[in-house]
Amino acid sequence: MEDLQIAYYLIVIMVGFAALVVAGFRAFKTRDADLKNFCILYASFTFVLILSVLRKYLSINVENYSLQAWYVILGISQVANCIVIIALINFLWNATQIRYQKILNFIFLLAMLICIVLIFSPIGATLDVEQKIIRLGFGFKISSILYFASFTFAIIVAAIYLKQIWKTERRNFILGLLLFASFGYLESLFSFPNSLRTTSVAFGQDLEFLYSSIPYALYGLFLMYYFLHFSLPTQLEHGQLSESFISTYKITEREREIILMVIQGKSNADIAGELVISLATVKTHLHNIYQKVGVDSRYDLLARVRSSQ
């Protein structure tokens, strides 16, 4: 049964890698910063699955699987879960273009770093070699609370973001992400009370089935369909921005310049350098452009411009 579970995880990871390749290629072609951040998020959870497979494989097939190795890999798994939350929050903050992004990113990054420090600190968890258990202290409980609170906030932001883009082309993409994240959140919700009560973990008792791997695989299949089904808009030549597009969406001269540079595939940093403006100003202009045109990404903007020609 456990060998079948390993085989299942491997198949799921293969699906995840395939989805990452497709999404990564699309991010490279469109230079979409949001899609790049999404790839980091999806890759982070893929790493969590890889660690789950590694832990199960070592416990089943390696006779000399030591307590110390188990302790370290289990700790790395907890760190990987924190990285997923950091990646999720970073993706949402950058996608929503809200104010004080850097400050909010720093706050949640600090919260996750505290979680990581507590996990490996003596007040968080210590390895009892004689009893073959990990003793969990109050630091672990604090870490669990910070992790769950951050995850809760991320789900709320994702729901708000979905409402904002409901009428755009990116709706299904974010809806799938929210369903996937919500499943993982429910998994954390059910285990949260137990994590506060648990005082120790015995060797080999950390190998529970990761139910969130199911929506992960389904979402991976959806991503491949999503990016392969909709053709990639071809790049447009410089100056090929119609007057009807400019007048319909009330595009200013500065916004026209930025749109043309986006069409050429230039990054925010490239645009800021060529126009001699700050990176924050570029992001503000892009946010205003997205609002006017009713899109949510460079890819969708390029598609909208092309359809107006």
C-alpha atoms as a PDB file:
ATOM      1  CA  MET A   1       0.000   0.000   0.000  1.00  0.00           C
ATOM      2  CA  GLU A   2       2.803   2.413   0.894  1.00  0.00           C
ATOM      3  CA  ASP A   3       4.603   1.581  -2.361  1.00  0.00           C
ATOM      4  CA  LEU A   4       1.415   2.477  -4.236  1.00  0.00           C
ATOM      5  CA  GLN A   5       1.313   5.771  -2.376  1.00  0.00           C
ATOM      6  CA  ILE A   6       4.883   6.524  -3.473  1.00  0.00           C
ATOM      7  CA  ALA A   7       3.947   5.645  -7.066  1.00  0.00           C
ATOM      8  CA  TYR A   8       0.933   7.961  -6.807  1.00  0.00           C
ATOM      9  CA  TYR A   9       3.081  10.832  -5.529  1.00  0.00           C
ATOM     10  CA  LEU A  10       5.557  10.318  -8.366  1.00  0.00           C
ATOM     11  CA  ILE A  11       2.778  10.501 -10.964  1.00  0.00           C
ATOM     12  CA  VAL A  12       1.422  13.660  -9.327  1.00  0.00           C
ATOM     13  CA  ILE A  13       4.897  15.233  -9.322  1.00  0.00           C
ATOM     14  CA  MET A  14       5.317  14.377 -13.021  1.00  0.00           C
ATOM     15  CA  VAL A  15       2.018  16.153 -13.739  1.00  0.00           C
ATOM     16  CA  GLY A  16       3.234  19.114 -11.687  1.00  0.00           C
ATOM     17  CA  PHE A  17       6.545  19.284 -13.572  1.00  0.00           C
ATOM     18  CA  ALA A  18       4.711  19.175 -16.904  1.00  0.00           C
ATOM     19  CA  ALA A  19       2.450  22.037 -15.782  1.00  0.00           C
ATOM     20  CA  LEU A  20       5.481  24.012 -14.589  1.00  0.00           C
ATOM     21  CA  VAL A  21       7.206  23.588 -17.957  1.00  0.00           C
ATOM     22  CA  VAL A  22       4.133  24.866 -19.822  1.00  0.00           C
ATOM     23  CA  ALA A  23       3.542  27.756 -17.393  1.00  0.00           C
ATOM     24  CA  GLY A  24       7.255  28.603 -17.305  1.00  0.00           C
ATOM     25  CA  PHE A  25       7.422  28.731 -21.094  1.00  0.00           C
ATOM     26  CA  ARG A  26       4.398  31.023 -21.185  1.00  0.00           C
ATOM     27  CA  ALA A  27       5.946  33.265 -18.503  1.00  0.00           C
ATOM     28  CA  PHE A  28       9.173  33.443 -20.518  1.00  0.00           C
ATOM     29  CA  LYS A  29       7.385  34.317 -23.758  1.00  0.00           C
ATOM     30  CA  THR A  30       5.072  36.933 -22.254  1.00  0.00           C
ATOM     31  CA  ARG A  31       7.434  38.308 -19.582  1.00  0.00           C
ATOM     32  CA  ASP A  32       4.429  38.288 -17.269  1.00  0.00           C
ATOM     33  CA  ALA A  33       5.707  39.014 -13.746  1.00  0.00           C
ATOM     34  CA  ASP A  34       2.543  37.611 -12.157  1.00  0.00           C
ATOM     35  CA  LEU A  35       2.923  34.358 -14.039  1.00  0.00           C
ATOM     36  CA  LYS A  36       6.579  34.167 -13.012  1.00  0.00           C
ATOM     37  CA  ASN A  37       5.559  34.549  -9.363  1.00  0.00           C
ATOM     38  CA  PHE A  38       2.904  31.889  -9.867  1.00  0.00           C
ATOM     39  CA  CYS A  39       5.519  29.460 -11.207  1.00  0.00           C
ATOM     40  CA  ILE A  40       7.554  30.039  -8.040  1.00  0.00           C
ATOM     41  CA  LEU A  41       4.442  29.293  -5.962  1.00  0.00           C
ATOM     42  CA  TYR A  42       3.583  26.099  -7.842  1.00  0.00           C
ATOM     43  CA  ALA A  43       7.215  24.956  -7.748  1.00  0.00           C
ATOM     44  CA  SER A  44       7.266  25.497  -3.970  1.00  0.00           C
ATOM     45  CA  PHE A  45       4.395  23.086  -3.414  1.00  0.00           C
ATOM     46  CA  THR A  46       6.019  20.650  -5.840  1.00  0.00           C
ATOM     47  CA  PHE A  47       9.056  20.698  -3.544  1.00  0.00           C
ATOM     48  CA  VAL A  48       6.771  19.861  -0.585  1.00  0.00           C
ATOM     49  CA  LEU A  49       5.531  16.795  -2.475  1.00  0.00           C
ATOM     50  CA  ILE A  50       9.075  15.753  -3.358  1.00  0.00           C
ATOM     51  CA  LEU A  51      10.019  15.879   0.326  1.00  0.00           C
ATOM     52  CA  SER A  52       6.942  13.794   1.207  1.00  0.00           C
ATOM     53  CA  VAL A  53       8.010  11.137  -1.308  1.00  0.00           C
ATOM     54  CA  LEU A  54      11.571  11.239  -0.001  1.00  0.00           C
ATOM     55  CA  ARG A  55      10.475  10.787   3.624  1.00  0.00           C
ATOM     56  CA  LYS A  56       8.213   7.869   2.783  1.00  0.00           C
ATOM     57  CA  TYR A  57      10.775   6.204   0.532  1.00  0.00           C
ATOM     58  CA  LEU A  58      13.531   6.448   3.137  1.00  0.00           C
ATOM     59  CA  SER A  59      11.318   5.063   5.909  1.00  0.00           C
ATOM     60  CA  ILE A  60      10.283   2.067   3.787  1.00  0.00           C
ATOM     61  CA  ASN A  61      13.361   1.161   1.779  1.00  0.00           C
ATOM     62  CA  VAL A  62      16.412   2.377   3.716  1.00  0.00           C
ATOM     63  CA  GLU A  63      17.369   0.210   6.681  1.00  0.00           C
ATOM     64  CA  ASN A  64      19.850   2.678   8.125  1.00  0.00           C
ATOM     65  CA  TYR A  65      17.470   5.634   7.937  1.00  0.00           C
ATOM     66  CA  SER A  66      18.708   7.515  11.010  1.00  0.00           C
ATOM     67  CA  LEU A  67      16.777   9.564  13.523  1.00  0.00           C
ATOM     68  CA  GLN A  68      18.943  12.552  12.766  1.00  0.00           C
ATOM     69  CA  ALA A  69      18.155  12.358   9.036  1.00  0.00           C
ATOM     70  CA  TRP A  70      14.450  11.994   9.835  1.00  0.00           C
ATOM     71  CA  TYR A  71      14.586  15.038  12.120  1.00  0.00           C
ATOM     72  CA  VAL A  72      16.352  17.201   9.520  1.00  0.00           C
ATOM     73  CA  ILE A  73      14.116  16.199   6.588  1.00  0.00           C
ATOM     74  CA  LEU A  74      10.982  16.710   8.684  1.00  0.00           C
ATOM     75  CA  GLY A  75      12.245  20.170   9.628  1.00  0.00           C
ATOM     76  CA  ILE A  76      12.978  21.000   5.990  1.00  0.00           C
ATOM     77  CA  SER A  77       9.426  19.906   5.120  1.00  0.00           C
ATOM     78  CA  GLN A  78       8.060  22.394   7.654  1.00  0.00           C
ATOM     79  CA  VAL A  79      10.275  25.103   6.160  1.00  0.00           C
ATOM     80  CA  ALA A  80       8.999  24.202   2.670  1.00  0.00           C
ATOM     81  CA  ASN A  81       5.421  24.700   3.875  1.00  0.00           C
ATOM     82  CA  CYS A  82       6.379  28.187   5.076  1.00  0.00           C
ATOM     83  CA  ILE A  83       7.975  28.916   1.694  1.00  0.00           C
ATOM     84  CA  VAL A  84       4.674  28.000  -0.002  1.00  0.00           C
ATOM     85  CA  ILE A  85       2.872  30.610   2.121  1.00  0.00           C
ATOM     86  CA  ILE A  86       5.544  33.225   1.341  1.00  0.00           C
ATOM     87  CA  ALA A  87       5.231  32.470  -2.380  1.00  0.00           C
ATOM     88  CA  LEU A  88       1.424  32.594  -2.239  1.00  0.00           C
ATOM     89  CA  ILE A  89       1.354  35.941  -0.451  1.00  0.00           C
ATOM     90  CA  ASN A  90       4.018  37.395  -2.768  1.00  0.00           C
ATOM     91  CA  PHE A  91       2.009  36.322  -5.815  1.00  0.00           C
ATOM     92  CA  LEU A  92      -1.225  37.813  -4.462  1.00  0.00           C
ATOM     93  CA  TRP A  93       0.322  41.114  -3.326  1.00  0.00           C
ATOM     94  CA  ASN A  94       1.991  41.709  -6.688  1.00  0.00           C
ATOM     95  CA  ALA A  95      -1.101  40.670  -8.632  1.00  0.00           C
ATOM     96  CA  THR A  96      -3.485  42.924  -6.698  1.00  0.00           C
ATOM     97  CA  GLN A  97      -1.164  45.949  -6.994  1.00  0.00           C
ATOM     98  CA  ILE A  98      -2.251  47.228  -3.577  1.00  0.00           C
ATOM     99  CA  ARG A  99      -0.458  49.970  -1.678  1.00  0.00           C
ATOM    100  CA  TYR A 100       2.339  49.242   0.798  1.00  0.00           C
ATOM    101  CA  GLN A 101       3.249  45.967  -0.936  1.00  0.00           C
ATOM    102  CA  LYS A 102       6.851  46.017   0.248  1.00  0.00           C
ATOM    103  CA  ILE A 103       5.850  46.621   3.859  1.00  0.00           C
ATOM    104  CA  LEU A 104       3.219  43.873   3.829  1.00  0.00           C
ATOM    105  CA  ASN A 105       5.576  41.461   2.076  1.00  0.00           C
ATOM    106  CA  PHE A 106       8.194  42.189   4.723  1.00  0.00           C
ATOM    107  CA  ILE A 107       5.713  41.576   7.568  1.00  0.00           C
ATOM    108  CA  PHE A 108       4.669  38.172   6.267  1.00  0.00           C
ATOM    109  CA  LEU A 109       8.204  37.240   5.313  1.00  0.00           C
ATOM    110  CA  LEU A 110       9.259  38.073   8.869  1.00  0.00           C
ATOM    111  CA  ALA A 111       6.393  35.964  10.268  1.00  0.00           C
ATOM    112  CA  MET A 112       7.483  32.960   8.195  1.00  0.00           C
ATOM    113  CA  LEU A 113      11.131  33.456   9.158  1.00  0.00           C
ATOM    114  CA  ILE A 114      10.076  33.431  12.815  1.00  0.00           C
ATOM    115  CA  CYS A 115       8.229  30.162  12.119  1.00  0.00           C
ATOM    116  CA  ILE A 116      11.361  28.660  10.582  1.00  0.00           C
ATOM    117  CA  VAL A 117      13.586  29.772  13.461  1.00  0.00           C
ATOM    118  CA  LEU A 118      11.125  28.398  16.029  1.00  0.00           C
ATOM    119  CA  ILE A 119      10.913  25.047  14.225  1.00  0.00           C
ATOM    120  CA  PHE A 120      14.665  24.465  14.573  1.00  0.00           C
ATOM    121  CA  SER A 121      15.130  26.148  17.959  1.00  0.00           C
ATOM    122  CA  PRO A 122      15.283  24.238  21.290  1.00  0.00           C
ATOM    123  CA  ILE A 123      11.972  25.811  22.331  1.00  0.00           C
ATOM    124  CA  GLY A 124      10.383  24.586  19.112  1.00  0.00           C
ATOM    125  CA  ALA A 125      11.478  20.986  18.706  1.00  0.00           C
ATOM    126  CA  THR A 126      14.199  18.728  20.098  1.00  0.00           C
ATOM    127  CA  LEU A 127      15.173  15.206  19.103  1.00  0.00           C
ATOM    128  CA  ASP A 128      15.028  12.573  21.860  1.00  0.00           C
ATOM    129  CA  VAL A 129      17.291   9.809  20.527  1.00  0.00           C
ATOM    130  CA  GLU A 130      16.563   7.346  23.337  1.00  0.00           C
ATOM    131  CA  GLN A 131      12.781   7.585  22.966  1.00  0.00           C
ATOM    132  CA  LYS A 132      12.986   7.992  19.163  1.00  0.00           C
ATOM    133  CA  ILE A 133      10.680  10.991  19.216  1.00  0.00           C
ATOM    134  CA  ILE A 134      10.709  14.698  18.512  1.00  0.00           C
ATOM    135  CA  ARG A 135       9.549  16.687  21.527  1.00  0.00           C
ATOM    136  CA  LEU A 136       7.539  19.752  20.561  1.00  0.00           C
ATOM    137  CA  GLY A 137       7.721  22.864  22.724  1.00  0.00           C
ATOM    138  CA  PHE A 138       5.681  26.045  22.925  1.00  0.00           C
ATOM    139  CA  GLY A 139       7.794  27.512  20.101  1.00  0.00           C
ATOM    140  CA  PHE A 140       6.283  24.950  17.752  1.00  0.00           C
ATOM    141  CA  LYS A 141       2.790  26.015  18.834  1.00  0.00           C
ATOM    142  CA  ILE A 142       3.614  29.685  18.184  1.00  0.00           C
ATOM    143  CA  SER A 143       4.944  28.681  14.772  1.00  0.00           C
ATOM    144  CA  SER A 144       1.727  26.783  14.011  1.00  0.00           C
ATOM    145  CA  ILE A 145      -0.397  29.795  14.969  1.00  0.00           C
ATOM    146  CA  LEU A 146       1.649  32.185  12.795  1.00  0.00           C
ATOM    147  CA  TYR A 147       1.540  29.771   9.860  1.00  0.00           C
ATOM    148  CA  PHE A 148      -2.208  29.219  10.090  1.00  0.00           C
ATOM    149  CA  ALA A 149      -2.938  32.943  10.532  1.00  0.00           C
ATOM    150  CA  SER A 150      -0.833  33.805   7.472  1.00  0.00           C
ATOM    151  CA  PHE A 151      -2.518  31.065   5.432  1.00  0.00           C
ATOM    152  CA  THR A 152      -5.955  32.353   6.492  1.00  0.00           C
ATOM    153  CA  PHE A 153      -5.092  35.890   5.458  1.00  0.00           C
ATOM    154  CA  ALA A 154      -3.752  34.676   2.092  1.00  0.00           C
ATOM    155  CA  ILE A 155      -7.011  32.851   1.347  1.00  0.00           C
ATOM    156  CA  ILE A 156      -9.005  35.999   2.153  1.00  0.00           C
ATOM    157  CA  VAL A 157      -6.810  38.110  -0.162  1.00  0.00           C
ATOM    158  CA  ALA A 158      -7.148  35.485  -2.917  1.00  0.00           C
ATOM    159  CA  ALA A 159     -10.948  35.604  -2.629  1.00  0.00           C
ATOM    160  CA  ILE A 160     -10.926  39.425  -2.823  1.00  0.00           C
ATOM    161  CA  TYR A 161      -8.604  39.302  -5.816  1.00  0.00           C
ATOM    162  CA  LEU A 162     -10.856  36.794  -7.582  1.00  0.00           C
ATOM    163  CA  LYS A 163     -13.791  39.159  -7.124  1.00  0.00           C
ATOM    164  CA  GLN A 164     -11.775  42.012  -8.644  1.00  0.00           C
ATOM    165  CA  ILE A 165     -10.873  40.069 -11.802  1.00  0.00           C
ATOM    166  CA  TRP A 166     -14.117  38.096 -12.186  1.00  0.00           C
ATOM    167  CA  LYS A 167     -14.902  39.719 -15.538  1.00  0.00           C
ATOM    168  CA  THR A 168     -11.392  39.366 -16.975  1.00  0.00           C
ATOM    169  CA  GLU A 169      -9.719  36.573 -18.930  1.00  0.00           C
ATOM    170  CA  ARG A 170      -7.762  35.477 -15.861  1.00  0.00           C
ATOM    171  CA  ARG A 171     -10.835  34.480 -13.819  1.00  0.00           C
ATOM    172  CA  ASN A 172     -10.612  30.698 -14.402  1.00  0.00           C
ATOM    173  CA  PHE A 173      -6.881  30.711 -13.758  1.00  0.00           C
ATOM    174  CA  ILE A 174      -7.246  32.376 -10.343  1.00  0.00           C
ATOM    175  CA  LEU A 175     -10.419  30.429  -9.514  1.00  0.00           C
ATOM    176  CA  GLY A 176      -8.495  27.185  -9.992  1.00  0.00           C
ATOM    177  CA  LEU A 177      -5.677  28.489  -7.800  1.00  0.00           C
ATOM    178  CA  LEU A 178      -8.143  29.495  -5.070  1.00  0.00           C
ATOM    179  CA  LEU A 179      -9.799  26.057  -5.113  1.00  0.00           C
ATOM    180  CA  PHE A 180      -6.394  24.377  -4.903  1.00  0.00           C
ATOM    181  CA  ALA A 181      -5.255  26.672  -2.071  1.00  0.00           C
ATOM    182  CA  SER A 182      -8.588  26.288  -0.245  1.00  0.00           C
ATOM    183  CA  PHE A 183      -8.217  22.509  -0.240  1.00  0.00           C
ATOM    184  CA  GLY A 184      -4.773  22.872   1.324  1.00  0.00           C
ATOM    185  CA  TYR A 185      -6.211  25.368   3.788  1.00  0.00           C
ATOM    186  CA  LEU A 186      -8.919  22.901   4.871  1.00  0.00           C
ATOM    187  CA  GLU A 187      -6.223  20.285   5.351  1.00  0.00           C
ATOM    188  CA  SER A 188      -4.340  22.729   7.599  1.00  0.00           C
ATOM    189  CA  LEU A 189      -7.561  23.708   9.376  1.00  0.00           C
ATOM    190  CA  PHE A 190      -8.339  20.131  10.392  1.00  0.00           C
ATOM    191  CA  SER A 191      -4.793  19.483  11.586  1.00  0.00           C
ATOM    192  CA  PHE A 192      -4.382  22.837  13.367  1.00  0.00           C
ATOM    193  CA  PRO A 193      -6.081  21.876  16.696  1.00  0.00           C
ATOM    194  CA  ASN A 194      -4.054  18.676  16.812  1.00  0.00           C
ATOM    195  CA  SER A 195      -0.806  20.579  16.234  1.00  0.00           C
ATOM    196  CA  LEU A 196      -1.572  22.695  19.305  1.00  0.00           C
ATOM    197  CA  ARG A 197      -2.259  19.624  21.448  1.00  0.00           C
ATOM    198  CA  THR A 198       0.579  17.406  20.239  1.00  0.00           C
ATOM    199  CA  THR A 199       3.667  17.333  22.443  1.00  0.00           C
ATOM    200  CA  SER A 200       5.747  14.783  20.525  1.00  0.00           C
ATOM    201  CA  VAL A 201       6.061  12.972  17.211  1.00  0.00           C
ATOM    202  CA  ALA A 202       7.285   9.377  17.138  1.00  0.00           C
ATOM    203  CA  PHE A 203       9.667   8.090  14.475  1.00  0.00           C
ATOM    204  CA  GLY A 204       7.675   7.210  11.340  1.00  0.00           C
ATOM    205  CA  GLN A 205       4.399   8.819  12.459  1.00  0.00           C
ATOM    206  CA  ASP A 206       4.779  11.885  10.245  1.00  0.00           C
ATOM    207  CA  LEU A 207       3.828  10.156   7.000  1.00  0.00           C
ATOM    208  CA  GLU A 208       0.175  11.079   6.660  1.00  0.00           C
ATOM    209  CA  PHE A 209      -1.322  11.168   3.178  1.00  0.00           C
ATOM    210  CA  LEU A 210      -1.150  14.642   1.634  1.00  0.00           C
ATOM    211  CA  TYR A 211      -4.720  15.147   0.437  1.00  0.00           C
ATOM    212  CA  SER A 212      -3.901  18.510  -1.136  1.00  0.00           C
ATOM    213  CA  SER A 213      -1.878  16.571  -3.714  1.00  0.00           C
ATOM    214  CA  ILE A 214      -5.203  15.677  -5.404  1.00  0.00           C
ATOM    215  CA  PRO A 215      -6.249  19.271  -6.283  1.00  0.00           C
ATOM    216  CA  TYR A 216      -2.573  19.988  -7.043  1.00  0.00           C
ATOM    217  CA  ALA A 217      -2.612  17.337  -9.779  1.00  0.00           C
ATOM    218  CA  LEU A 218      -6.036  18.398 -11.073  1.00  0.00           C
ATOM    219  CA  TYR A 219      -4.932  22.020 -11.172  1.00  0.00           C
ATOM    220  CA  GLY A 220      -1.772  20.947 -12.999  1.00  0.00           C
ATOM    221  CA  LEU A 221      -3.896  19.304 -15.701  1.00  0.00           C
ATOM    222  CA  PHE A 222      -6.032  22.424 -15.890  1.00  0.00           C
ATOM    223  CA  LEU A 223      -2.916  24.618 -16.260  1.00  0.00           C
ATOM    224  CA  MET A 224      -1.689  22.565 -19.200  1.00  0.00           C
ATOM    225  CA  TYR A 225      -5.091  22.873 -20.862  1.00  0.00           C
ATOM    226  CA  TYR A 226      -5.342  26.577 -20.000  1.00  0.00           C
ATOM    227  CA  PHE A 227      -1.989  27.530 -21.497  1.00  0.00           C
ATOM    228  CA  LEU A 228      -2.035  25.133 -24.443  1.00  0.00           C
ATOM    229  CA  HIS A 229      -5.660  25.717 -25.438  1.00  0.00           C
ATOM    230  CA  PHE A 230      -5.356  29.500 -25.706  1.00  0.00           C
ATOM    231  CA  SER A 231      -2.837  30.474 -28.336  1.00  0.00           C
ATOM    232  CA  LEU A 232      -0.029  32.838 -27.444  1.00  0.00           C
ATOM    233  CA  PRO A 233      -0.608  36.294 -28.904  1.00  0.00           C
ATOM    234  CA  THR A 234       2.090  37.185 -31.402  1.00  0.00           C
ATOM    235  CA  GLN A 235       4.291  40.142 -30.670  1.00  0.00           C
ATOM    236  CA  LEU A 236       3.286  43.375 -32.434  1.00  0.00           C
ATOM    237  CA  GLU A 237       5.698  45.734 -34.082  1.00  0.00           C
ATOM    238  CA  HIS A 238       6.585  49.106 -32.558  1.00  0.00           C
ATOM    239  CA  GLY A 239       3.968  51.761 -33.260  1.00  0.00           C
ATOM    240  CA  GLN A 240       1.202  49.299 -34.054  1.00  0.00           C
ATOM    241  CA  LEU A 241      -1.276  50.655 -31.504  1.00  0.00           C
ATOM    242  CA  SER A 242      -4.539  51.663 -33.154  1.00  0.00           C
ATOM    243  CA  GLU A 243      -6.192  55.022 -32.596  1.00  0.00           C
ATOM    244  CA  SER A 244      -9.471  53.223 -31.829  1.00  0.00           C
ATOM    245  CA  PHE A 245      -7.764  51.366 -28.973  1.00  0.00           C
ATOM    246  CA  ILE A 246      -6.312  54.614 -27.600  1.00  0.00           C
ATOM    247  CA  SER A 247      -9.618  56.476 -27.781  1.00  0.00           C
ATOM    248  CA  THR A 248     -11.771  53.577 -26.535  1.00  0.00           C
ATOM    249  CA  TYR A 249      -9.749  53.109 -23.345  1.00  0.00           C
ATOM    250  CA  LYS A 250      -8.654  56.779 -22.975  1.00  0.00           C
ATOM    251  CA  ILE A 251      -4.967  55.900 -23.053  1.00  0.00           C
ATOM    252  CA  THR A 252      -2.620  58.782 -22.247  1.00  0.00           C
ATOM    253  CA  GLU A 253       0.589  59.425 -24.166  1.00  0.00           C
ATOM    254  CA  ARG A 254       2.742  58.047 -21.340  1.00  0.00           C
ATOM    255  CA  GLU A 255       0.540  54.964 -21.079  1.00  0.00           C
ATOM    256  CA  ARG A 256       0.828  54.491 -24.853  1.00  0.00           C
ATOM    257  CA  GLU A 257       4.621  54.502 -24.557  1.00  0.00           C
ATOM    258  CA  ILE A 258       4.514  51.915 -21.797  1.00  0.00           C
ATOM    259  CA  ILE A 259       2.056  49.683 -23.682  1.00  0.00           C
ATOM    260  CA  LEU A 260       4.334  49.723 -26.741  1.00  0.00           C
ATOM    261  CA  MET A 261       7.281  48.683 -24.584  1.00  0.00           C
ATOM    262  CA  VAL A 262       5.210  45.894 -23.012  1.00  0.00           C
ATOM    263  CA  ILE A 263       4.331  44.747 -26.542  1.00  0.00           C
ATOM    264  CA  GLN A 264       8.054  44.592 -27.312  1.00  0.00           C
ATOM    265  CA  GLY A 265       8.491  42.265 -24.322  1.00  0.00           C
ATOM    266  CA  LYS A 266      10.414  44.679 -22.123  1.00  0.00           C
ATOM    267  CA  SER A 267      10.424  44.232 -18.357  1.00  0.00           C
ATOM    268  CA  ASN A 268       9.341  46.852 -15.823  1.00  0.00           C
ATOM    269  CA  ALA A 269      12.997  47.585 -15.087  1.00  0.00           C
ATOM    270  CA  ASP A 270      13.756  48.066 -18.803  1.00  0.00           C
ATOM    271  CA  ILE A 271      10.792  50.442 -19.152  1.00  0.00           C
ATOM    272  CA  ALA A 272      11.840  52.436 -16.094  1.00  0.00           C
ATOM    273  CA  GLY A 273      15.393  52.770 -17.424  1.00  0.00           C
ATOM    274  CA  GLU A 274      14.386  53.879 -20.923  1.00  0.00           C
ATOM    275  CA  LEU A 275      11.763  56.372 -19.748  1.00  0.00           C
ATOM    276  CA  VAL A 276      13.936  57.566 -16.815  1.00  0.00           C
ATOM    277  CA  ILE A 277      11.202  56.998 -14.242  1.00  0.00           C
ATOM    278  CA  SER A 278      11.077  54.901 -11.084  1.00  0.00           C
ATOM    279  CA  LEU A 279      10.049  51.256 -11.042  1.00  0.00           C
ATOM    280  CA  ALA A 280       7.150  52.157  -8.739  1.00  0.00           C
ATOM    281  CA  THR A 281       5.905  54.682 -11.324  1.00  0.00           C
ATOM    282  CA  VAL A 282       5.972  52.010 -14.032  1.00  0.00           C
ATOM    283  CA  LYS A 283       3.931  49.696 -11.843  1.00  0.00           C
ATOM    284  CA  THR A 284       1.427  52.484 -11.160  1.00  0.00           C
ATOM    285  CA  HIS A 285       1.044  53.196 -14.869  1.00  0.00           C
ATOM    286  CA  LEU A 286       0.588  49.497 -15.616  1.00  0.00           C
ATOM    287  CA  HIS A 287      -2.009  49.194 -12.883  1.00  0.00           C
ATOM    288  CA  ASN A 288      -3.930  52.134 -14.364  1.00  0.00           C
ATOM    289  CA  ILE A 289      -3.674  50.630 -17.842  1.00  0.00           C
ATOM    290  CA  TYR A 290      -4.979  47.266 -16.622  1.00  0.00           C
ATOM    291  CA  GLN A 291      -7.887  49.023 -14.923  1.00  0.00           C
ATOM    292  CA  LYS A 292      -8.793  50.969 -18.049  1.00  0.00           C
ATOM    293  CA  VAL A 293      -8.516  48.041 -20.444  1.00  0.00           C
ATOM    294  CA  GLY A 294     -10.120  45.543 -18.053  1.00  0.00           C
ATOM    295  CA  VAL A 295      -7.251  43.055 -17.990  1.00  0.00           C
ATOM    296  CA  ASP A 296      -5.041  41.693 -15.273  1.00  0.00           C
ATOM    297  CA  SER A 297      -1.679  40.850 -16.829  1.00  0.00           C
ATOM    298  CA  ARG A 298       0.743  41.624 -19.655  1.00  0.00           C
ATOM    299  CA  TYR A 299      -0.440  38.548 -21.489  1.00  0.00           C
ATOM    300  CA  ASP A 300      -4.086  39.654 -21.369  1.00  0.00           C
ATOM    301  CA  LEU A 301      -3.104  43.217 -22.332  1.00  0.00           C
ATOM    302  CA  LEU A 302      -1.208  41.947 -25.363  1.00  0.00           C
ATOM    303  CA  ALA A 303      -4.209  39.838 -26.367  1.00  0.00           C
ATOM    304  CA  ARG A 304      -6.552  42.815 -26.005  1.00  0.00           C
ATOM    305  CA  VAL A 305      -4.281  45.095 -28.062  1.00  0.00           C
ATOM    306  CA  ARG A 306      -3.962  42.483 -30.794  1.00  0.00           C
ATOM    307  CA  SER A 307      -7.716  41.919 -30.964  1.00  0.00           C
ATOM    308  CA  SER A 308      -8.286  45.668 -31.434  1.00  0.00           C
ATOM    309  CA  GLN A 309      -6.087  45.905 -34.534  1.00  0.00           C
END
